[in-house]
């Protein structure tokens, strides 16, 4: 059985969706969004490399200059983002959407329906 990785985003809820997209792109996995977390499933028969997932999460936090406020901790197949201080993450603007389109054939994920529709066409050429 191929193991999936769960990333707990309970302390950074506004970052869950963009983090899922970024991380899945970096490690080559298929994301599945849940209420307080996302899961990464492998595309092939190999396990998702948890070290690459942790690095991708840290790179994402670093790109927002908030890495010093959070730790990334692994316990088996669960990777948690943990607050180190009382830093309050500002929520993303209201126009940001949690709606993502995912390709049923290869797992490609995008926030834009037109990009998704164009991507789907390549599977039927």
N, C-alpha and C. Protein backbone atom coordinates (compact mmCIF):
# COMPACT_ATOMS: atom_id res chain seq x y z
N UNK A 1 0.84 -1.19 0.00
CA UNK A 1 0.00 0.00 0.00
C UNK A 1 0.88 1.25 0.00
N UNK A 2 0.48 2.22 -0.78
CA UNK A 2 1.24 3.46 -0.89
C UNK A 2 0.71 4.44 0.14
N UNK A 3 1.62 5.00 0.94
CA UNK A 3 1.23 5.92 1.99
C UNK A 3 1.05 7.34 1.46
N UNK A 4 0.08 8.01 2.04
CA UNK A 4 -0.15 9.42 1.74
C UNK A 4 0.38 10.24 2.91
N UNK A 5 0.64 11.49 2.65
CA UNK A 5 1.10 12.42 3.67
C UNK A 5 -0.05 13.38 3.97
N UNK A 6 -0.31 13.62 5.24
CA UNK A 6 -1.30 14.60 5.66
C UNK A 6 -0.57 15.82 6.21
N UNK A 7 -0.98 17.00 5.76
CA UNK A 7 -0.39 18.25 6.24
C UNK A 7 -1.46 19.01 7.01
N UNK A 8 -1.24 19.16 8.31
CA UNK A 8 -2.18 19.84 9.20
C UNK A 8 -1.93 21.34 9.14
N UNK A 9 -2.94 22.08 8.67
CA UNK A 9 -2.83 23.54 8.50
C UNK A 9 -3.73 24.29 9.46
N UNK A 10 -4.07 23.69 10.57
CA UNK A 10 -5.01 24.24 11.54
C UNK A 10 -4.60 25.66 12.00
N UNK A 11 -3.31 25.92 12.15
CA UNK A 11 -2.87 27.24 12.64
C UNK A 11 -2.69 28.27 11.52
N UNK A 12 -2.76 27.83 10.27
CA UNK A 12 -2.64 28.74 9.13
C UNK A 12 -3.75 28.45 8.12
N UNK A 13 -5.01 28.57 8.52
CA UNK A 13 -6.11 28.17 7.63
C UNK A 13 -6.16 28.94 6.32
N UNK A 14 -5.78 30.20 6.33
CA UNK A 14 -5.84 30.99 5.09
C UNK A 14 -4.77 30.57 4.08
N UNK A 15 -3.78 29.82 4.53
CA UNK A 15 -2.71 29.37 3.63
C UNK A 15 -2.92 27.95 3.11
N UNK A 16 -3.93 27.26 3.62
CA UNK A 16 -4.11 25.83 3.29
C UNK A 16 -4.16 25.58 1.78
N UNK A 17 -5.02 26.27 1.07
CA UNK A 17 -5.18 26.02 -0.36
C UNK A 17 -3.94 26.37 -1.18
N UNK A 18 -3.40 27.59 -1.05
CA UNK A 18 -2.19 27.88 -1.83
C UNK A 18 -1.01 27.00 -1.44
N UNK A 19 -0.92 26.64 -0.17
CA UNK A 19 0.16 25.76 0.28
C UNK A 19 0.00 24.36 -0.32
N UNK A 20 -1.22 23.88 -0.41
CA UNK A 20 -1.48 22.57 -1.01
C UNK A 20 -1.06 22.55 -2.48
N UNK A 21 -1.38 23.60 -3.19
CA UNK A 21 -1.01 23.68 -4.62
C UNK A 21 0.50 23.75 -4.76
N UNK A 22 1.14 24.63 -3.99
CA UNK A 22 2.59 24.79 -4.08
C UNK A 22 3.31 23.49 -3.72
N UNK A 23 2.92 22.89 -2.61
CA UNK A 23 3.59 21.68 -2.14
C UNK A 23 3.40 20.53 -3.12
N UNK A 24 2.20 20.36 -3.62
CA UNK A 24 1.95 19.26 -4.55
C UNK A 24 2.76 19.44 -5.83
N UNK A 25 2.91 20.68 -6.29
CA UNK A 25 3.74 20.95 -7.46
C UNK A 25 5.21 20.62 -7.19
N UNK A 26 5.69 20.95 -6.00
CA UNK A 26 7.10 20.74 -5.66
C UNK A 26 7.45 19.27 -5.51
N UNK A 27 6.53 18.47 -4.99
CA UNK A 27 6.85 17.06 -4.72
C UNK A 27 6.25 16.10 -5.73
N UNK A 28 5.44 16.61 -6.65
CA UNK A 28 4.84 15.75 -7.66
C UNK A 28 3.80 14.81 -7.08
N UNK A 29 2.85 15.37 -6.33
CA UNK A 29 1.81 14.56 -5.70
C UNK A 29 0.45 15.16 -6.00
N UNK A 30 -0.59 14.40 -5.72
CA UNK A 30 -1.96 14.85 -5.95
C UNK A 30 -2.54 15.33 -4.62
N UNK A 31 -2.97 16.60 -4.55
CA UNK A 31 -3.51 17.12 -3.29
C UNK A 31 -5.01 16.85 -3.16
N UNK A 32 -5.44 16.67 -1.93
CA UNK A 32 -6.87 16.57 -1.61
C UNK A 32 -7.11 17.46 -0.40
N UNK A 33 -7.96 18.46 -0.57
CA UNK A 33 -8.23 19.42 0.50
C UNK A 33 -9.27 18.87 1.46
N UNK A 34 -9.03 19.08 2.75
CA UNK A 34 -9.98 18.74 3.79
C UNK A 34 -10.22 20.01 4.60
N UNK A 35 -10.97 19.93 5.69
CA UNK A 35 -11.34 21.14 6.43
C UNK A 35 -10.12 21.86 7.01
N UNK A 36 -9.27 21.16 7.76
CA UNK A 36 -8.12 21.80 8.41
C UNK A 36 -6.79 21.27 7.90
N UNK A 37 -6.81 20.51 6.83
CA UNK A 37 -5.59 19.87 6.35
C UNK A 37 -5.72 19.56 4.87
N UNK A 38 -4.61 19.13 4.30
CA UNK A 38 -4.67 18.57 2.96
C UNK A 38 -3.83 17.32 2.95
N UNK A 39 -4.15 16.45 2.03
CA UNK A 39 -3.42 15.19 1.91
C UNK A 39 -2.72 15.17 0.56
N UNK A 40 -1.58 14.53 0.53
CA UNK A 40 -0.82 14.38 -0.70
C UNK A 40 -0.72 12.90 -1.03
N UNK A 41 -1.23 12.55 -2.19
CA UNK A 41 -1.18 11.16 -2.64
C UNK A 41 -0.16 11.06 -3.77
N UNK A 42 0.57 9.96 -3.82
CA UNK A 42 1.56 9.80 -4.89
C UNK A 42 0.89 9.62 -6.24
N UNK A 43 1.59 10.04 -7.29
CA UNK A 43 1.09 9.88 -8.65
C UNK A 43 1.34 8.45 -9.13
N UNK A 44 2.44 7.86 -8.70
CA UNK A 44 2.78 6.50 -9.11
C UNK A 44 2.86 5.61 -7.87
N UNK A 45 3.54 4.49 -7.96
CA UNK A 45 3.59 3.53 -6.86
C UNK A 45 4.59 3.88 -5.76
N UNK A 46 5.31 4.98 -5.90
CA UNK A 46 6.29 5.37 -4.89
C UNK A 46 5.64 6.25 -3.83
N UNK A 47 6.15 6.17 -2.61
CA UNK A 47 5.64 7.01 -1.52
C UNK A 47 6.00 8.46 -1.76
N UNK A 48 5.20 9.35 -1.20
CA UNK A 48 5.51 10.78 -1.21
C UNK A 48 6.65 10.99 -0.22
N UNK A 49 7.71 11.66 -0.66
CA UNK A 49 8.88 11.90 0.19
C UNK A 49 8.59 13.00 1.20
N UNK A 50 8.47 12.61 2.47
CA UNK A 50 8.11 13.57 3.52
C UNK A 50 9.17 14.67 3.68
N UNK A 51 10.43 14.35 3.44
CA UNK A 51 11.49 15.37 3.53
C UNK A 51 11.30 16.46 2.49
N UNK A 52 10.87 16.08 1.29
CA UNK A 52 10.61 17.07 0.23
C UNK A 52 9.38 17.90 0.57
N UNK A 53 8.37 17.26 1.20
CA UNK A 53 7.17 17.99 1.61
C UNK A 53 7.53 19.04 2.66
N UNK A 54 8.31 18.66 3.66
CA UNK A 54 8.74 19.59 4.70
C UNK A 54 9.53 20.75 4.10
N UNK A 55 10.44 20.44 3.19
CA UNK A 55 11.23 21.49 2.55
C UNK A 55 10.33 22.44 1.76
N UNK A 56 9.34 21.90 1.05
CA UNK A 56 8.43 22.74 0.27
C UNK A 56 7.61 23.65 1.19
N UNK A 57 7.15 23.12 2.31
CA UNK A 57 6.38 23.94 3.27
C UNK A 57 7.25 25.05 3.82
N UNK A 58 8.47 24.72 4.20
CA UNK A 58 9.38 25.74 4.74
C UNK A 58 9.71 26.79 3.68
N UNK A 59 9.90 26.38 2.44
CA UNK A 59 10.17 27.33 1.35
C UNK A 59 8.97 28.26 1.15
N UNK A 60 7.77 27.70 1.24
CA UNK A 60 6.55 28.50 1.08
C UNK A 60 6.45 29.54 2.20
N UNK A 61 6.64 29.12 3.44
CA UNK A 61 6.60 30.04 4.57
C UNK A 61 7.69 31.10 4.44
N UNK A 62 8.86 30.68 3.98
CA UNK A 62 9.98 31.60 3.78
C UNK A 62 9.64 32.65 2.71
N UNK A 63 8.94 32.23 1.66
CA UNK A 63 8.58 33.17 0.59
C UNK A 63 7.63 34.25 1.08
N UNK A 64 6.91 33.98 2.18
CA UNK A 64 6.01 34.96 2.77
C UNK A 64 6.65 35.70 3.94
N UNK A 65 7.92 35.38 4.21
CA UNK A 65 8.69 35.97 5.31
C UNK A 65 8.03 35.75 6.67
N UNK A 66 7.46 34.56 6.86
CA UNK A 66 6.83 34.24 8.14
C UNK A 66 7.41 32.95 8.73
N UNK A 67 8.51 32.47 8.17
CA UNK A 67 9.09 31.19 8.60
C UNK A 67 9.52 31.19 10.06
N UNK A 68 9.90 32.35 10.60
CA UNK A 68 10.38 32.38 11.99
C UNK A 68 9.25 32.23 13.00
N UNK A 69 8.00 32.33 12.54
CA UNK A 69 6.85 32.23 13.43
C UNK A 69 6.27 30.81 13.51
N UNK A 70 6.76 29.92 12.66
CA UNK A 70 6.18 28.57 12.58
C UNK A 70 7.26 27.49 12.51
N UNK A 71 6.94 26.34 13.08
CA UNK A 71 7.79 25.16 12.95
C UNK A 71 7.01 24.12 12.14
N UNK A 72 7.74 23.29 11.44
CA UNK A 72 7.14 22.21 10.67
C UNK A 72 7.60 20.91 11.30
N UNK A 73 6.66 20.15 11.84
CA UNK A 73 6.98 18.96 12.62
C UNK A 73 6.32 17.74 12.00
N UNK A 74 7.07 16.65 11.94
CA UNK A 74 6.54 15.40 11.39
C UNK A 74 6.34 14.37 12.48
N UNK A 75 5.20 13.68 12.44
CA UNK A 75 4.92 12.54 13.31
C UNK A 75 4.30 11.47 12.41
N UNK A 76 5.12 10.51 12.01
CA UNK A 76 4.73 9.46 11.07
C UNK A 76 4.33 10.08 9.75
N UNK A 77 3.08 9.89 9.30
CA UNK A 77 2.64 10.42 8.02
C UNK A 77 1.88 11.74 8.14
N UNK A 78 1.99 12.38 9.30
CA UNK A 78 1.33 13.66 9.52
C UNK A 78 2.40 14.73 9.73
N UNK A 79 2.31 15.77 8.92
CA UNK A 79 3.21 16.91 9.04
C UNK A 79 2.36 18.08 9.52
N UNK A 80 2.75 18.68 10.64
CA UNK A 80 1.98 19.78 11.23
C UNK A 80 2.77 21.07 11.17
N UNK A 81 2.03 22.14 10.93
CA UNK A 81 2.60 23.48 11.02
C UNK A 81 2.19 24.00 12.40
N UNK A 82 3.18 24.34 13.21
CA UNK A 82 2.95 24.71 14.61
C UNK A 82 3.41 26.14 14.84
N UNK A 83 2.57 26.92 15.52
CA UNK A 83 2.91 28.31 15.83
C UNK A 83 3.96 28.35 16.93
N UNK A 84 4.96 29.21 16.77
CA UNK A 84 6.02 29.36 17.76
C UNK A 84 5.80 30.57 18.66
N UNK A 85 4.94 31.48 18.23
CA UNK A 85 4.69 32.69 19.02
C UNK A 85 3.25 33.15 18.78
N UNK A 86 2.93 34.36 19.18
CA UNK A 86 1.57 34.88 19.05
C UNK A 86 1.34 35.62 17.74
N UNK A 87 2.17 35.38 16.75
CA UNK A 87 2.04 36.04 15.45
C UNK A 87 0.66 35.75 14.86
N UNK A 88 -0.01 36.81 14.42
CA UNK A 88 -1.33 36.67 13.79
C UNK A 88 -1.17 36.82 12.29
N UNK A 89 -1.47 35.76 11.60
CA UNK A 89 -1.39 35.76 10.15
C UNK A 89 -2.59 36.50 9.59
N UNK A 90 -2.33 37.48 8.75
CA UNK A 90 -3.44 38.21 8.13
C UNK A 90 -4.11 37.31 7.12
N UNK A 91 -5.42 37.38 7.07
CA UNK A 91 -6.15 36.55 6.11
C UNK A 91 -5.95 37.09 4.71
N UNK A 92 -6.06 36.21 3.75
CA UNK A 92 -5.91 36.60 2.36
C UNK A 92 -7.10 37.45 1.94
N UNK A 93 -6.94 38.30 0.92
CA UNK A 93 -8.04 39.15 0.47
C UNK A 93 -9.28 38.32 0.10
N UNK A 94 -10.44 38.98 0.16
CA UNK A 94 -11.71 38.29 -0.06
C UNK A 94 -11.84 37.69 -1.45
N UNK A 95 -11.15 38.24 -2.45
CA UNK A 95 -11.28 37.70 -3.79
C UNK A 95 -10.58 36.35 -3.94
N UNK A 96 -9.76 35.98 -2.98
CA UNK A 96 -9.13 34.68 -3.00
C UNK A 96 -10.19 33.60 -2.83
N UNK A 97 -10.04 32.53 -3.58
CA UNK A 97 -11.06 31.48 -3.57
C UNK A 97 -10.46 30.16 -3.15
N UNK A 98 -11.26 29.37 -2.45
CA UNK A 98 -10.83 28.02 -2.09
C UNK A 98 -11.21 27.02 -3.16
N UNK A 99 -11.77 27.50 -4.26
CA UNK A 99 -12.21 26.59 -5.32
C UNK A 99 -11.05 26.27 -6.24
N UNK A 100 -10.76 24.98 -6.38
CA UNK A 100 -9.70 24.53 -7.27
C UNK A 100 -10.27 23.49 -8.20
N UNK A 101 -9.70 23.40 -9.38
CA UNK A 101 -10.10 22.42 -10.36
C UNK A 101 -8.97 21.42 -10.50
N UNK A 102 -9.31 20.14 -10.40
CA UNK A 102 -8.30 19.08 -10.43
C UNK A 102 -8.58 18.14 -11.59
N UNK A 103 -7.54 17.81 -12.35
CA UNK A 103 -7.66 16.90 -13.48
C UNK A 103 -7.83 15.47 -12.96
N UNK A 104 -8.87 14.80 -13.44
CA UNK A 104 -9.13 13.43 -13.01
C UNK A 104 -8.13 12.45 -13.63
N UNK A 105 -7.42 12.87 -14.66
CA UNK A 105 -6.48 11.99 -15.34
C UNK A 105 -5.08 12.01 -14.74
N UNK A 106 -4.59 13.22 -14.40
CA UNK A 106 -3.20 13.30 -13.96
C UNK A 106 -3.02 14.07 -12.65
N UNK A 107 -4.09 14.68 -12.13
CA UNK A 107 -3.98 15.38 -10.86
C UNK A 107 -3.59 16.85 -10.97
N UNK A 108 -3.41 17.37 -12.17
CA UNK A 108 -3.07 18.78 -12.35
C UNK A 108 -4.11 19.63 -11.63
N UNK A 109 -3.66 20.63 -10.85
CA UNK A 109 -4.56 21.45 -10.05
C UNK A 109 -4.38 22.92 -10.45
N UNK A 110 -5.51 23.62 -10.62
CA UNK A 110 -5.46 25.04 -10.91
C UNK A 110 -6.66 25.72 -10.25
N UNK A 111 -6.53 26.99 -10.02
CA UNK A 111 -7.60 27.78 -9.42
C UNK A 111 -8.51 28.35 -10.50
N UNK A 112 -8.10 28.23 -11.76
CA UNK A 112 -8.81 28.89 -12.84
C UNK A 112 -9.50 27.87 -13.75
N UNK A 113 -10.79 28.05 -13.94
CA UNK A 113 -11.58 27.10 -14.72
C UNK A 113 -11.13 27.05 -16.18
N UNK A 114 -10.78 28.20 -16.77
CA UNK A 114 -10.36 28.19 -18.17
C UNK A 114 -9.05 27.43 -18.35
N UNK A 115 -8.13 27.59 -17.40
CA UNK A 115 -6.87 26.84 -17.47
C UNK A 115 -7.16 25.34 -17.35
N UNK A 116 -8.07 24.99 -16.46
CA UNK A 116 -8.44 23.59 -16.28
C UNK A 116 -9.06 23.02 -17.56
N UNK A 117 -9.97 23.77 -18.16
CA UNK A 117 -10.62 23.30 -19.39
C UNK A 117 -9.61 23.11 -20.51
N UNK A 118 -8.68 24.04 -20.64
CA UNK A 118 -7.63 23.89 -21.66
C UNK A 118 -6.73 22.71 -21.37
N UNK A 119 -6.40 22.51 -20.10
CA UNK A 119 -5.57 21.36 -19.72
C UNK A 119 -6.27 20.05 -20.05
N UNK A 120 -7.55 19.97 -19.78
CA UNK A 120 -8.29 18.72 -20.03
C UNK A 120 -8.24 18.32 -21.49
N UNK A 121 -8.18 19.30 -22.38
CA UNK A 121 -8.15 19.02 -23.83
C UNK A 121 -6.94 18.19 -24.22
N UNK A 122 -5.81 18.35 -23.52
CA UNK A 122 -4.60 17.60 -23.92
C UNK A 122 -4.77 16.09 -23.72
N UNK A 123 -5.69 15.70 -22.85
CA UNK A 123 -5.90 14.27 -22.61
C UNK A 123 -6.75 13.63 -23.71
N UNK A 124 -7.34 14.43 -24.57
CA UNK A 124 -8.23 13.90 -25.60
C UNK A 124 -7.71 14.18 -27.00
N UNK A 125 -6.45 14.55 -27.12
CA UNK A 125 -5.86 14.78 -28.46
C UNK A 125 -5.50 13.47 -29.11
